[in-house]
N, C-alpha and C. Protein backbone atom coordinates (compact mmCIF):
# COMPACT_ATOMS: atom_id res chain seq x y z
N UNK A 1 7.01 10.72 23.37
CA UNK A 1 6.96 10.36 21.94
C UNK A 1 5.66 9.62 21.64
N UNK A 2 5.07 9.90 20.49
CA UNK A 2 3.83 9.23 20.12
C UNK A 2 4.12 7.99 19.30
N UNK A 3 3.07 7.24 18.98
CA UNK A 3 3.23 6.07 18.13
C UNK A 3 3.70 6.47 16.75
N UNK A 4 4.45 5.57 16.10
CA UNK A 4 5.07 5.90 14.82
C UNK A 4 4.84 4.78 13.79
N UNK A 5 4.87 5.18 12.51
CA UNK A 5 4.73 4.24 11.42
C UNK A 5 5.94 4.35 10.50
N UNK A 6 6.62 3.23 10.29
CA UNK A 6 7.70 3.13 9.33
C UNK A 6 7.16 2.45 8.07
N UNK A 7 7.20 3.13 6.93
CA UNK A 7 6.84 2.50 5.65
C UNK A 7 8.16 2.15 4.95
N UNK A 8 8.46 0.85 4.89
CA UNK A 8 9.74 0.36 4.43
C UNK A 8 9.60 -0.23 3.02
N UNK A 9 10.46 0.22 2.11
CA UNK A 9 10.47 -0.39 0.78
C UNK A 9 11.18 -1.74 0.84
N UNK A 10 10.63 -2.71 0.13
CA UNK A 10 11.22 -4.05 0.06
C UNK A 10 12.64 -4.01 -0.47
N UNK A 11 13.38 -5.10 -0.29
CA UNK A 11 14.73 -5.21 -0.84
C UNK A 11 14.72 -5.39 -2.34
N UNK A 12 15.91 -5.33 -2.92
CA UNK A 12 16.06 -5.44 -4.37
C UNK A 12 15.52 -6.77 -4.89
N UNK A 13 14.83 -6.71 -6.05
CA UNK A 13 14.29 -7.91 -6.67
C UNK A 13 14.93 -8.12 -8.04
N UNK A 14 14.67 -9.30 -8.62
CA UNK A 14 15.17 -9.58 -9.96
C UNK A 14 14.54 -8.65 -10.99
N UNK A 15 13.31 -8.24 -10.77
CA UNK A 15 12.67 -7.27 -11.67
C UNK A 15 13.34 -5.91 -11.57
N UNK A 16 13.76 -5.52 -10.34
CA UNK A 16 14.48 -4.26 -10.17
C UNK A 16 15.77 -4.28 -11.00
N UNK A 17 16.48 -5.39 -10.93
CA UNK A 17 17.75 -5.50 -11.65
C UNK A 17 17.54 -5.36 -13.16
N UNK A 18 16.45 -5.93 -13.66
CA UNK A 18 16.16 -5.90 -15.09
C UNK A 18 15.36 -4.67 -15.50
N UNK A 19 15.08 -3.77 -14.55
CA UNK A 19 14.34 -2.53 -14.77
C UNK A 19 12.95 -2.79 -15.35
N UNK A 20 12.30 -3.83 -14.86
CA UNK A 20 10.94 -4.16 -15.26
C UNK A 20 9.95 -3.55 -14.27
N UNK A 21 8.88 -2.99 -14.80
CA UNK A 21 7.84 -2.39 -13.93
C UNK A 21 6.93 -3.52 -13.46
N UNK A 22 7.19 -3.98 -12.26
CA UNK A 22 6.58 -5.17 -11.69
C UNK A 22 5.67 -4.74 -10.54
N UNK A 23 4.34 -4.68 -10.77
CA UNK A 23 3.43 -4.15 -9.75
C UNK A 23 2.35 -5.12 -9.31
N UNK A 24 2.14 -6.19 -10.04
CA UNK A 24 1.05 -7.13 -9.71
C UNK A 24 1.56 -8.26 -8.83
N UNK A 25 0.95 -8.46 -7.65
CA UNK A 25 1.35 -9.60 -6.83
C UNK A 25 1.07 -10.92 -7.56
N UNK A 26 1.89 -11.96 -7.33
CA UNK A 26 2.92 -12.00 -6.28
C UNK A 26 4.22 -11.31 -6.65
N UNK A 27 4.56 -11.19 -7.91
CA UNK A 27 5.76 -10.45 -8.32
C UNK A 27 7.04 -11.21 -8.07
N UNK A 28 8.16 -10.57 -8.41
CA UNK A 28 9.47 -11.19 -8.34
C UNK A 28 9.93 -11.35 -6.90
N UNK A 29 10.89 -12.26 -6.71
CA UNK A 29 11.47 -12.45 -5.38
C UNK A 29 12.74 -11.64 -5.22
N UNK A 30 13.29 -11.65 -4.02
CA UNK A 30 14.48 -10.87 -3.71
C UNK A 30 15.74 -11.51 -4.29
N UNK A 31 16.66 -10.65 -4.70
CA UNK A 31 18.01 -11.08 -5.03
C UNK A 31 18.78 -11.29 -3.73
N UNK A 32 20.02 -11.78 -3.85
CA UNK A 32 20.86 -11.90 -2.66
C UNK A 32 21.10 -10.54 -2.04
N UNK A 33 21.32 -9.54 -2.88
CA UNK A 33 21.49 -8.18 -2.36
C UNK A 33 20.24 -7.73 -1.63
N UNK A 34 19.07 -8.04 -2.21
CA UNK A 34 17.81 -7.67 -1.58
C UNK A 34 17.63 -8.34 -0.22
N UNK A 35 18.06 -9.57 -0.11
CA UNK A 35 17.97 -10.27 1.18
C UNK A 35 18.89 -9.61 2.21
N UNK A 36 20.07 -9.21 1.76
CA UNK A 36 20.98 -8.51 2.66
C UNK A 36 20.39 -7.17 3.10
N UNK A 37 19.76 -6.46 2.17
CA UNK A 37 19.15 -5.18 2.52
C UNK A 37 18.05 -5.36 3.57
N UNK A 38 17.26 -6.43 3.41
CA UNK A 38 16.18 -6.72 4.36
C UNK A 38 16.74 -7.00 5.75
N UNK A 39 17.78 -7.79 5.79
CA UNK A 39 18.40 -8.11 7.08
C UNK A 39 19.00 -6.87 7.72
N UNK A 40 19.65 -6.04 6.92
CA UNK A 40 20.27 -4.83 7.44
C UNK A 40 19.24 -3.84 7.99
N UNK A 41 18.11 -3.69 7.29
CA UNK A 41 17.12 -2.73 7.76
C UNK A 41 16.46 -3.23 9.05
N UNK A 42 16.37 -4.54 9.22
CA UNK A 42 15.86 -5.07 10.48
C UNK A 42 16.73 -4.67 11.66
N UNK A 43 18.05 -4.76 11.48
CA UNK A 43 18.97 -4.34 12.53
C UNK A 43 18.87 -2.83 12.78
N UNK A 44 18.76 -2.07 11.69
CA UNK A 44 18.64 -0.61 11.83
C UNK A 44 17.38 -0.24 12.60
N UNK A 45 16.28 -0.91 12.28
CA UNK A 45 15.02 -0.62 12.96
C UNK A 45 15.10 -0.97 14.44
N UNK A 46 15.86 -2.00 14.76
CA UNK A 46 16.03 -2.37 16.16
C UNK A 46 16.68 -1.22 16.94
N UNK A 47 17.63 -0.54 16.32
CA UNK A 47 18.29 0.61 16.97
C UNK A 47 17.33 1.79 17.08
N UNK A 48 16.57 2.03 16.02
CA UNK A 48 15.68 3.20 15.99
C UNK A 48 14.47 3.06 16.90
N UNK A 49 14.14 1.84 17.27
CA UNK A 49 12.93 1.60 18.07
C UNK A 49 13.27 1.04 19.46
N UNK A 50 14.49 1.20 19.89
CA UNK A 50 14.93 0.62 21.16
C UNK A 50 13.99 1.02 22.30
N UNK A 51 13.53 0.04 23.07
CA UNK A 51 12.67 0.29 24.21
C UNK A 51 11.20 0.45 23.88
N UNK A 52 10.84 0.28 22.61
CA UNK A 52 9.46 0.47 22.19
C UNK A 52 8.84 -0.87 21.76
N UNK A 53 7.52 -0.89 21.68
CA UNK A 53 6.81 -2.07 21.23
C UNK A 53 6.64 -1.99 19.71
N UNK A 54 7.09 -3.00 18.99
CA UNK A 54 7.11 -2.94 17.54
C UNK A 54 6.34 -4.10 16.94
N UNK A 55 5.50 -3.78 15.96
CA UNK A 55 4.77 -4.80 15.20
C UNK A 55 5.13 -4.68 13.73
N UNK A 56 5.23 -5.81 13.06
CA UNK A 56 5.60 -5.86 11.65
C UNK A 56 4.41 -6.25 10.79
N UNK A 57 4.25 -5.54 9.67
CA UNK A 57 3.21 -5.82 8.68
C UNK A 57 3.86 -5.79 7.29
N UNK A 58 3.15 -6.32 6.31
CA UNK A 58 3.67 -6.24 4.95
C UNK A 58 2.53 -6.41 3.95
N UNK A 59 2.82 -6.06 2.70
CA UNK A 59 1.84 -6.26 1.63
C UNK A 59 1.84 -7.75 1.22
N UNK A 60 0.91 -8.08 0.34
CA UNK A 60 0.75 -9.47 -0.08
C UNK A 60 1.81 -9.89 -1.10
N UNK A 61 2.56 -8.94 -1.66
CA UNK A 61 3.55 -9.27 -2.69
C UNK A 61 4.68 -10.12 -2.09
N UNK A 62 5.20 -11.06 -2.88
CA UNK A 62 6.24 -11.96 -2.42
C UNK A 62 7.46 -11.19 -1.89
N UNK A 63 7.90 -10.18 -2.60
CA UNK A 63 9.08 -9.43 -2.20
C UNK A 63 8.89 -8.73 -0.86
N UNK A 64 7.68 -8.25 -0.62
CA UNK A 64 7.40 -7.59 0.66
C UNK A 64 7.37 -8.61 1.79
N UNK A 65 6.80 -9.77 1.55
CA UNK A 65 6.76 -10.81 2.58
C UNK A 65 8.16 -11.30 2.91
N UNK A 66 8.97 -11.52 1.86
CA UNK A 66 10.34 -11.97 2.10
C UNK A 66 11.14 -10.92 2.88
N UNK A 67 11.00 -9.67 2.49
CA UNK A 67 11.70 -8.59 3.20
C UNK A 67 11.26 -8.50 4.65
N UNK A 68 9.97 -8.55 4.87
CA UNK A 68 9.45 -8.43 6.24
C UNK A 68 9.92 -9.58 7.12
N UNK A 69 9.93 -10.79 6.59
CA UNK A 69 10.35 -11.95 7.38
C UNK A 69 11.84 -11.86 7.73
N UNK A 70 12.65 -11.47 6.77
CA UNK A 70 14.09 -11.35 7.02
C UNK A 70 14.37 -10.19 7.98
N UNK A 71 13.69 -9.07 7.78
CA UNK A 71 13.87 -7.93 8.68
C UNK A 71 13.41 -8.26 10.10
N UNK A 72 12.28 -8.95 10.21
CA UNK A 72 11.78 -9.31 11.53
C UNK A 72 12.73 -10.29 12.23
N UNK A 73 13.35 -11.17 11.46
CA UNK A 73 14.28 -12.13 12.05
C UNK A 73 15.53 -11.43 12.59
N UNK A 74 16.10 -10.50 11.82
CA UNK A 74 17.29 -9.80 12.29
C UNK A 74 16.93 -8.82 13.42
N UNK A 75 15.72 -8.27 13.35
CA UNK A 75 15.21 -7.41 14.44
C UNK A 75 15.11 -8.22 15.73
N UNK A 76 14.55 -9.42 15.63
CA UNK A 76 14.40 -10.27 16.81
C UNK A 76 15.75 -10.64 17.40
N UNK A 77 16.71 -10.96 16.53
CA UNK A 77 18.03 -11.31 17.01
C UNK A 77 18.69 -10.12 17.71
N UNK A 78 18.54 -8.92 17.14
CA UNK A 78 19.15 -7.73 17.70
C UNK A 78 18.52 -7.31 19.02
N UNK A 79 17.27 -7.69 19.24
CA UNK A 79 16.55 -7.30 20.45
C UNK A 79 16.35 -8.46 21.42
N UNK A 80 17.06 -9.57 21.16
CA UNK A 80 17.02 -10.74 22.05
C UNK A 80 15.61 -11.29 22.23
N UNK A 81 14.86 -11.33 21.14
CA UNK A 81 13.54 -11.94 21.17
C UNK A 81 13.60 -13.27 20.42
N UNK A 82 12.72 -14.18 20.82
CA UNK A 82 12.68 -15.48 20.16
C UNK A 82 12.25 -15.32 18.71
N UNK A 83 11.18 -14.55 18.48
CA UNK A 83 10.76 -14.26 17.13
C UNK A 83 9.83 -13.06 17.16
N UNK A 84 9.69 -12.40 16.03
CA UNK A 84 8.77 -11.27 15.87
C UNK A 84 7.83 -11.62 14.73
N UNK A 85 6.54 -11.75 14.99
CA UNK A 85 5.60 -12.14 13.92
C UNK A 85 5.40 -11.04 12.90
N UNK A 86 5.00 -11.46 11.71
CA UNK A 86 4.70 -10.54 10.61
C UNK A 86 3.27 -10.79 10.17
N UNK A 87 2.48 -9.74 10.06
CA UNK A 87 1.09 -9.85 9.60
C UNK A 87 0.98 -9.32 8.17
N UNK A 88 0.46 -10.16 7.27
CA UNK A 88 0.26 -9.76 5.88
C UNK A 88 -1.07 -9.02 5.78
N UNK A 89 -1.06 -7.85 5.15
CA UNK A 89 -2.25 -7.03 5.03
C UNK A 89 -2.57 -6.76 3.56
N UNK A 90 -3.80 -7.00 3.16
CA UNK A 90 -4.24 -6.63 1.81
C UNK A 90 -4.32 -5.12 1.70
N UNK A 91 -4.10 -4.60 0.49
CA UNK A 91 -4.25 -3.17 0.24
C UNK A 91 -2.95 -2.40 0.22
N UNK A 92 -1.85 -3.00 0.65
CA UNK A 92 -0.58 -2.30 0.77
C UNK A 92 0.36 -2.52 -0.39
N UNK A 93 -0.13 -3.12 -1.46
CA UNK A 93 0.71 -3.46 -2.61
C UNK A 93 1.02 -2.22 -3.47
N UNK A 94 1.85 -2.45 -4.48
CA UNK A 94 2.32 -1.36 -5.33
C UNK A 94 1.20 -0.79 -6.19
N UNK A 95 1.40 0.43 -6.70
CA UNK A 95 0.45 1.07 -7.61
C UNK A 95 0.48 0.33 -8.95
N UNK A 96 -0.65 -0.13 -9.42
CA UNK A 96 -0.71 -0.93 -10.63
C UNK A 96 -0.32 -0.13 -11.86
N UNK A 97 0.51 -0.75 -12.70
CA UNK A 97 1.04 -0.09 -13.89
C UNK A 97 0.18 -0.34 -15.13
N UNK A 98 -0.88 -1.11 -15.01
CA UNK A 98 -1.78 -1.33 -16.13
C UNK A 98 -1.12 -1.99 -17.33
N UNK A 99 -1.24 -1.36 -18.49
CA UNK A 99 -0.74 -1.95 -19.74
C UNK A 99 0.78 -2.03 -19.77
N UNK A 100 1.46 -1.37 -18.86
CA UNK A 100 2.93 -1.37 -18.84
C UNK A 100 3.50 -2.39 -17.86
N UNK A 101 2.65 -3.26 -17.34
CA UNK A 101 3.13 -4.28 -16.41
C UNK A 101 4.23 -5.13 -17.03
N UNK A 102 5.33 -5.30 -16.29
CA UNK A 102 6.51 -6.08 -16.69
C UNK A 102 7.16 -5.54 -17.95
N UNK A 103 7.02 -4.25 -18.16
CA UNK A 103 7.62 -3.58 -19.32
C UNK A 103 8.85 -2.81 -18.84
N UNK A 104 9.95 -2.96 -19.53
CA UNK A 104 11.16 -2.25 -19.16
C UNK A 104 11.59 -1.22 -20.18
N UNK A 105 10.70 -0.88 -21.10
CA UNK A 105 11.04 0.05 -22.17
C UNK A 105 11.17 1.48 -21.66
N UNK A 106 11.82 2.32 -22.46
CA UNK A 106 11.92 3.73 -22.12
C UNK A 106 10.54 4.38 -22.08
N UNK A 107 9.64 3.96 -22.97
CA UNK A 107 8.28 4.49 -22.96
C UNK A 107 7.59 4.20 -21.64
N UNK A 108 7.77 2.99 -21.15
CA UNK A 108 7.15 2.60 -19.88
C UNK A 108 7.67 3.45 -18.74
N UNK A 109 8.99 3.68 -18.71
CA UNK A 109 9.57 4.44 -17.62
C UNK A 109 9.19 5.93 -17.71
N UNK A 110 9.06 6.44 -18.93
CA UNK A 110 8.57 7.82 -19.08
C UNK A 110 7.14 7.94 -18.57
N UNK A 111 6.31 6.97 -18.93
CA UNK A 111 4.92 6.97 -18.48
C UNK A 111 4.84 6.91 -16.96
N UNK A 112 5.73 6.11 -16.39
CA UNK A 112 5.76 5.99 -14.92
C UNK A 112 6.08 7.31 -14.27
N UNK A 113 7.10 8.03 -14.77
CA UNK A 113 7.50 9.28 -14.17
C UNK A 113 6.42 10.36 -14.29
N UNK A 114 5.73 10.37 -15.43
CA UNK A 114 4.63 11.32 -15.61
C UNK A 114 3.49 10.99 -14.65
N UNK A 115 3.16 9.71 -14.53
CA UNK A 115 2.09 9.29 -13.62
C UNK A 115 2.46 9.59 -12.18
N UNK A 116 3.71 9.32 -11.80
CA UNK A 116 4.15 9.57 -10.43
C UNK A 116 3.98 11.04 -10.05
N UNK A 117 4.33 11.93 -10.99
CA UNK A 117 4.14 13.35 -10.71
C UNK A 117 2.68 13.65 -10.45
N UNK A 118 1.80 13.08 -11.24
CA UNK A 118 0.38 13.30 -11.05
C UNK A 118 -0.15 12.70 -9.76
N UNK A 119 0.31 11.48 -9.42
CA UNK A 119 -0.13 10.85 -8.16
C UNK A 119 0.27 11.71 -6.98
N UNK A 120 1.49 12.23 -7.01
CA UNK A 120 1.98 13.03 -5.89
C UNK A 120 1.25 14.38 -5.82
N UNK A 121 0.95 14.96 -6.97
CA UNK A 121 0.26 16.25 -7.01
C UNK A 121 -1.23 16.14 -6.70
N UNK A 122 -1.76 14.90 -6.72
CA UNK A 122 -3.19 14.74 -6.49
C UNK A 122 -4.03 14.96 -7.73
N UNK A 123 -3.44 14.71 -8.89
CA UNK A 123 -4.17 14.79 -10.17
C UNK A 123 -5.08 13.57 -10.30
N UNK A 124 -6.37 13.80 -10.29
CA UNK A 124 -7.32 12.68 -10.26
C UNK A 124 -7.28 11.82 -11.50
N UNK A 125 -6.79 12.36 -12.61
CA UNK A 125 -6.76 11.60 -13.87
C UNK A 125 -5.45 10.90 -14.11
N UNK A 126 -4.41 11.18 -13.32
CA UNK A 126 -3.09 10.65 -13.59
C UNK A 126 -3.01 9.14 -13.34
N UNK A 127 -2.50 8.43 -14.34
CA UNK A 127 -2.29 6.99 -14.21
C UNK A 127 -1.45 6.53 -15.39
N UNK A 128 -0.88 5.34 -15.26
CA UNK A 128 -0.32 4.69 -16.42
C UNK A 128 -1.48 4.03 -17.16
N UNK A 129 -1.42 3.95 -18.45
CA UNK A 129 -2.57 3.48 -19.23
C UNK A 129 -3.08 2.14 -18.71
N UNK A 130 -4.34 2.12 -18.31
CA UNK A 130 -4.95 0.91 -17.77
C UNK A 130 -4.64 0.67 -16.30
N UNK A 131 -3.89 1.58 -15.66
CA UNK A 131 -3.48 1.39 -14.28
C UNK A 131 -4.30 2.21 -13.29
N UNK A 132 -3.79 2.32 -12.07
CA UNK A 132 -4.51 2.98 -10.99
C UNK A 132 -4.21 4.47 -10.91
N UNK A 133 -5.19 5.21 -10.41
CA UNK A 133 -5.00 6.62 -10.05
C UNK A 133 -4.59 6.69 -8.58
N UNK A 134 -4.20 7.88 -8.15
CA UNK A 134 -3.82 8.01 -6.73
C UNK A 134 -5.03 7.79 -5.84
N UNK A 135 -6.21 8.13 -6.32
CA UNK A 135 -7.43 7.90 -5.53
C UNK A 135 -7.69 6.41 -5.35
N UNK A 136 -7.42 5.63 -6.39
CA UNK A 136 -7.55 4.17 -6.29
C UNK A 136 -6.62 3.64 -5.21
N UNK A 137 -5.40 4.14 -5.20
CA UNK A 137 -4.40 3.68 -4.24
C UNK A 137 -4.82 4.03 -2.81
N UNK A 138 -5.20 5.28 -2.59
CA UNK A 138 -5.59 5.69 -1.25
C UNK A 138 -6.84 4.94 -0.77
N UNK A 139 -7.73 4.60 -1.69
CA UNK A 139 -8.95 3.90 -1.31
C UNK A 139 -8.66 2.55 -0.68
N UNK A 140 -7.59 1.90 -1.10
CA UNK A 140 -7.26 0.59 -0.53
C UNK A 140 -6.18 0.66 0.54
N UNK A 141 -5.30 1.65 0.44
CA UNK A 141 -4.14 1.75 1.33
C UNK A 141 -4.44 2.53 2.61
N UNK A 142 -5.12 3.65 2.45
CA UNK A 142 -5.37 4.53 3.58
C UNK A 142 -6.11 3.87 4.73
N UNK A 143 -7.20 3.11 4.47
CA UNK A 143 -7.89 2.47 5.61
C UNK A 143 -7.01 1.51 6.40
N UNK A 144 -6.07 0.87 5.72
CA UNK A 144 -5.20 -0.08 6.42
C UNK A 144 -4.25 0.66 7.36
N UNK A 145 -3.61 1.73 6.86
CA UNK A 145 -2.67 2.45 7.73
C UNK A 145 -3.42 3.23 8.82
N UNK A 146 -4.64 3.67 8.53
CA UNK A 146 -5.43 4.33 9.57
C UNK A 146 -5.80 3.35 10.68
N UNK A 147 -6.14 2.14 10.31
CA UNK A 147 -6.47 1.11 11.31
C UNK A 147 -5.25 0.80 12.17
N UNK A 148 -4.09 0.67 11.52
CA UNK A 148 -2.86 0.41 12.28
C UNK A 148 -2.54 1.59 13.19
N UNK A 149 -2.68 2.81 12.67
CA UNK A 149 -2.39 4.00 13.47
C UNK A 149 -3.29 4.10 14.69
N UNK A 150 -4.55 3.72 14.52
CA UNK A 150 -5.52 3.81 15.62
C UNK A 150 -5.17 2.87 16.77
N UNK A 151 -4.40 1.83 16.48
CA UNK A 151 -4.03 0.84 17.50
C UNK A 151 -2.71 1.16 18.19
N UNK A 152 -2.04 2.22 17.76
CA UNK A 152 -0.74 2.57 18.31
C UNK A 152 -0.87 3.33 19.63
N UNK A 153 -0.14 2.87 20.64
CA UNK A 153 0.02 3.65 21.85
C UNK A 153 1.24 4.53 21.74
N UNK A 154 1.49 5.32 22.77
CA UNK A 154 2.62 6.26 22.72
C UNK A 154 3.96 5.55 22.60
N UNK A 155 4.04 4.32 23.06
CA UNK A 155 5.30 3.57 23.04
C UNK A 155 5.32 2.49 21.94
N UNK A 156 4.43 2.62 20.97
CA UNK A 156 4.30 1.60 19.92
C UNK A 156 4.81 2.11 18.58
N UNK A 157 5.41 1.22 17.81
CA UNK A 157 5.80 1.49 16.44
C UNK A 157 5.26 0.39 15.54
N UNK A 158 4.90 0.77 14.32
CA UNK A 158 4.47 -0.19 13.30
C UNK A 158 5.45 -0.12 12.14
N UNK A 159 5.98 -1.27 11.76
CA UNK A 159 6.85 -1.38 10.59
C UNK A 159 6.02 -2.04 9.48
N UNK A 160 5.83 -1.31 8.37
CA UNK A 160 5.02 -1.81 7.26
C UNK A 160 5.91 -1.91 6.03
N UNK A 161 6.14 -3.12 5.56
CA UNK A 161 6.96 -3.33 4.36
C UNK A 161 6.06 -3.23 3.14
N UNK A 162 6.37 -2.29 2.27
CA UNK A 162 5.53 -1.99 1.12
C UNK A 162 6.40 -1.73 -0.10
N UNK A 163 6.03 -0.74 -0.93
CA UNK A 163 6.62 -0.57 -2.26
C UNK A 163 6.92 0.89 -2.55
N UNK A 164 7.93 1.12 -3.40
CA UNK A 164 8.49 2.45 -3.59
C UNK A 164 7.50 3.54 -3.94
N UNK A 165 6.78 3.36 -5.05
CA UNK A 165 5.84 4.42 -5.48
C UNK A 165 4.71 4.59 -4.48
N UNK A 166 4.18 3.46 -3.99
CA UNK A 166 3.08 3.54 -3.03
C UNK A 166 3.51 4.27 -1.76
N UNK A 167 4.72 4.01 -1.28
CA UNK A 167 5.21 4.67 -0.09
C UNK A 167 5.33 6.17 -0.31
N UNK A 168 5.89 6.57 -1.45
CA UNK A 168 6.06 8.00 -1.73
C UNK A 168 4.71 8.72 -1.84
N UNK A 169 3.78 8.09 -2.54
CA UNK A 169 2.47 8.72 -2.74
C UNK A 169 1.68 8.78 -1.42
N UNK A 170 1.66 7.69 -0.70
CA UNK A 170 0.90 7.65 0.56
C UNK A 170 1.53 8.58 1.58
N UNK A 171 2.84 8.57 1.70
CA UNK A 171 3.51 9.47 2.66
C UNK A 171 3.27 10.92 2.31
N UNK A 172 3.27 11.24 1.04
CA UNK A 172 3.00 12.62 0.60
C UNK A 172 1.58 13.04 1.03
N UNK A 173 0.58 12.20 0.76
CA UNK A 173 -0.79 12.60 1.05
C UNK A 173 -1.15 12.44 2.52
N UNK A 174 -0.42 11.60 3.24
CA UNK A 174 -0.67 11.45 4.68
C UNK A 174 -0.15 12.65 5.47
N UNK A 175 0.92 13.28 4.96
CA UNK A 175 1.59 14.31 5.74
C UNK A 175 1.57 15.70 5.09
N UNK A 176 1.28 15.79 3.80
CA UNK A 176 1.32 17.07 3.12
C UNK A 176 2.71 17.59 2.87
N UNK A 177 3.72 16.69 2.88
CA UNK A 177 5.09 17.11 2.59
C UNK A 177 5.14 17.75 1.20
N UNK A 178 6.09 18.63 0.99
CA UNK A 178 6.23 19.33 -0.27
C UNK A 178 6.22 18.37 -1.46
N UNK A 179 5.39 18.65 -2.45
CA UNK A 179 5.22 17.75 -3.60
C UNK A 179 6.50 17.61 -4.41
N UNK A 180 7.23 18.68 -4.60
CA UNK A 180 8.48 18.59 -5.35
C UNK A 180 9.49 17.70 -4.64
N UNK A 181 9.55 17.81 -3.32
CA UNK A 181 10.44 16.95 -2.57
C UNK A 181 10.03 15.49 -2.70
N UNK A 182 8.74 15.22 -2.60
CA UNK A 182 8.26 13.84 -2.69
C UNK A 182 8.52 13.25 -4.08
N UNK A 183 8.43 14.08 -5.11
CA UNK A 183 8.66 13.61 -6.47
C UNK A 183 10.14 13.32 -6.73
N UNK A 184 11.00 14.18 -6.26
CA UNK A 184 12.43 14.00 -6.51
C UNK A 184 13.10 13.10 -5.47
N UNK A 185 12.42 12.86 -4.37
CA UNK A 185 13.00 12.07 -3.27
C UNK A 185 12.86 10.58 -3.51
N UNK A 186 13.81 10.03 -4.25
CA UNK A 186 13.79 8.59 -4.56
C UNK A 186 13.83 7.77 -3.27
N UNK A 187 13.13 6.62 -3.29
CA UNK A 187 13.09 5.73 -2.15
C UNK A 187 13.84 4.43 -2.50
N UNK A 188 15.11 4.33 -2.15
CA UNK A 188 15.88 3.12 -2.49
C UNK A 188 15.33 1.87 -1.80
N UNK A 189 15.72 0.73 -2.32
CA UNK A 189 15.35 -0.54 -1.68
C UNK A 189 15.88 -0.57 -0.24
N UNK A 190 15.03 -1.00 0.67
CA UNK A 190 15.43 -1.12 2.07
C UNK A 190 15.40 0.18 2.84
N UNK A 191 14.91 1.26 2.26
CA UNK A 191 14.79 2.53 2.98
C UNK A 191 13.32 2.78 3.32
N UNK A 192 13.05 3.86 4.00
CA UNK A 192 11.70 4.02 4.56
C UNK A 192 11.36 5.48 4.83
N UNK A 193 10.06 5.73 4.98
CA UNK A 193 9.59 6.97 5.56
C UNK A 193 9.17 6.68 6.99
N UNK A 194 9.22 7.71 7.83
CA UNK A 194 8.81 7.59 9.23
C UNK A 194 7.78 8.69 9.50
N UNK A 195 6.59 8.29 9.95
CA UNK A 195 5.49 9.22 10.19
C UNK A 195 4.98 9.06 11.61
N UNK A 196 4.52 10.17 12.18
CA UNK A 196 3.85 10.16 13.48
C UNK A 196 2.41 10.64 13.29
N UNK A 197 1.44 9.71 13.38
CA UNK A 197 0.03 10.14 13.24
C UNK A 197 -0.41 11.09 14.35
N UNK A 198 0.00 10.83 15.58
CA UNK A 198 -0.30 11.74 16.69
C UNK A 198 -1.77 11.94 16.96
N UNK A 199 -2.61 10.96 16.59
CA UNK A 199 -4.03 11.09 16.82
C UNK A 199 -4.74 12.01 15.85
N UNK A 200 -4.03 12.51 14.87
CA UNK A 200 -4.61 13.43 13.89
C UNK A 200 -5.14 12.67 12.68
N UNK A 201 -6.01 13.29 11.88
CA UNK A 201 -6.53 12.63 10.68
C UNK A 201 -5.43 12.41 9.65
N UNK A 202 -5.60 11.39 8.83
CA UNK A 202 -4.73 11.17 7.67
C UNK A 202 -4.72 12.45 6.84
N UNK A 203 -3.55 12.88 6.43
CA UNK A 203 -3.40 14.17 5.77
C UNK A 203 -2.78 15.20 6.67
N UNK A 204 -2.81 14.94 8.00
CA UNK A 204 -2.22 15.85 8.97
C UNK A 204 -1.16 15.16 9.83
N UNK A 205 -0.70 13.99 9.37
CA UNK A 205 0.35 13.31 10.10
C UNK A 205 1.67 14.05 9.92
N UNK A 206 2.62 13.80 10.82
CA UNK A 206 3.92 14.45 10.78
C UNK A 206 4.96 13.53 10.16
N UNK A 207 5.65 14.01 9.15
CA UNK A 207 6.72 13.24 8.53
C UNK A 207 8.02 13.57 9.25
N UNK A 208 8.72 12.53 9.72
CA UNK A 208 9.96 12.73 10.47
C UNK A 208 11.20 12.35 9.67
N UNK A 209 11.03 11.45 8.71
CA UNK A 209 12.19 11.00 7.94
C UNK A 209 11.73 10.49 6.58
N UNK A 210 12.58 10.71 5.58
CA UNK A 210 12.32 10.24 4.22
C UNK A 210 13.62 9.64 3.70
N UNK A 211 13.66 8.33 3.54
CA UNK A 211 14.89 7.63 3.18
C UNK A 211 15.97 8.01 4.20
N UNK A 212 17.06 8.64 3.77
CA UNK A 212 18.12 9.03 4.71
C UNK A 212 18.12 10.51 4.99
N UNK A 213 16.96 11.12 4.96
CA UNK A 213 16.81 12.55 5.17
C UNK A 213 15.91 12.83 6.36
N UNK A 214 16.41 13.60 7.32
CA UNK A 214 15.58 14.04 8.43
C UNK A 214 14.77 15.24 7.98
N UNK A 215 13.55 15.34 8.48
CA UNK A 215 12.62 16.37 8.05
C UNK A 215 12.54 17.49 9.08
N UNK A 216 12.64 18.71 8.60
CA UNK A 216 12.51 19.90 9.43
C UNK A 216 11.03 20.21 9.63
N UNK A 217 10.53 20.02 10.84
CA UNK A 217 9.10 20.21 11.11
C UNK A 217 8.65 21.64 10.83
N UNK A 218 9.51 22.59 11.07
CA UNK A 218 9.10 23.99 10.91
C UNK A 218 8.80 24.34 9.46
N UNK A 219 9.61 23.82 8.54
CA UNK A 219 9.45 24.18 7.14
C UNK A 219 8.72 23.12 6.33
N UNK A 220 8.69 21.89 6.85
CA UNK A 220 8.05 20.81 6.09
C UNK A 220 8.91 20.31 4.94
N UNK A 221 10.19 20.70 4.93
CA UNK A 221 11.09 20.21 3.89
C UNK A 221 12.27 19.53 4.57
N UNK A 222 13.19 19.03 3.75
CA UNK A 222 14.25 18.20 4.28
C UNK A 222 15.61 18.91 4.15
N UNK A 223 16.11 19.48 5.22
CA UNK A 223 17.33 20.28 5.09
C UNK A 223 18.63 19.50 5.22
N UNK A 224 18.58 18.30 5.79
CA UNK A 224 19.82 17.61 6.12
C UNK A 224 19.91 16.26 5.42
N UNK A 225 20.89 16.14 4.52
CA UNK A 225 21.15 14.87 3.84
C UNK A 225 22.40 14.24 4.45
N UNK A 226 22.37 12.90 4.61
CA UNK A 226 23.53 12.23 5.15
C UNK A 226 23.57 10.79 4.68
């Protein structure tokens, strides 16, 4: 098995509950449910990475840091380690919503869905008004995950706590997974994508899992939901 990257969405936040588009760090903190989700995913990751060397990273946003710390703590407990450190990395934050920041209106959510389709399709002009394009996102995000990937040995895994839209867009462009699947494949709080760089360039990585869906390598789509 080669080195692997888990891109984990943070736990539920107070902005999530209020349906506010919250993209600028530091952002909202986790709810109690979000804290539980973070703890649970740490235990899950301990099972999925048994016998491997695991490093934890996260974005600068408060919710990502809180999720990563709670996940790392439950991971450490499950693997009988004293503690597992978390490294905060710039560039891994959410896609900026521009003029719709902290907006919960129907107009804001429609704009988000239109922009998301464009980000996933690679439309260079797609953005929320005043916000980032997919090229802007990859310019800051891709070098970070490439650096992490370059440091992975065959027995190493990297857990990166990040954000829903960013995870979907980056995973789509890192692996070339079907665009329709990436657009319709919602990423719930506390879920993740799993990628294997395998020494290949970004854009040619292998996607192994998307939320709770295993990926069929032969077809590049997701045949099994559970």
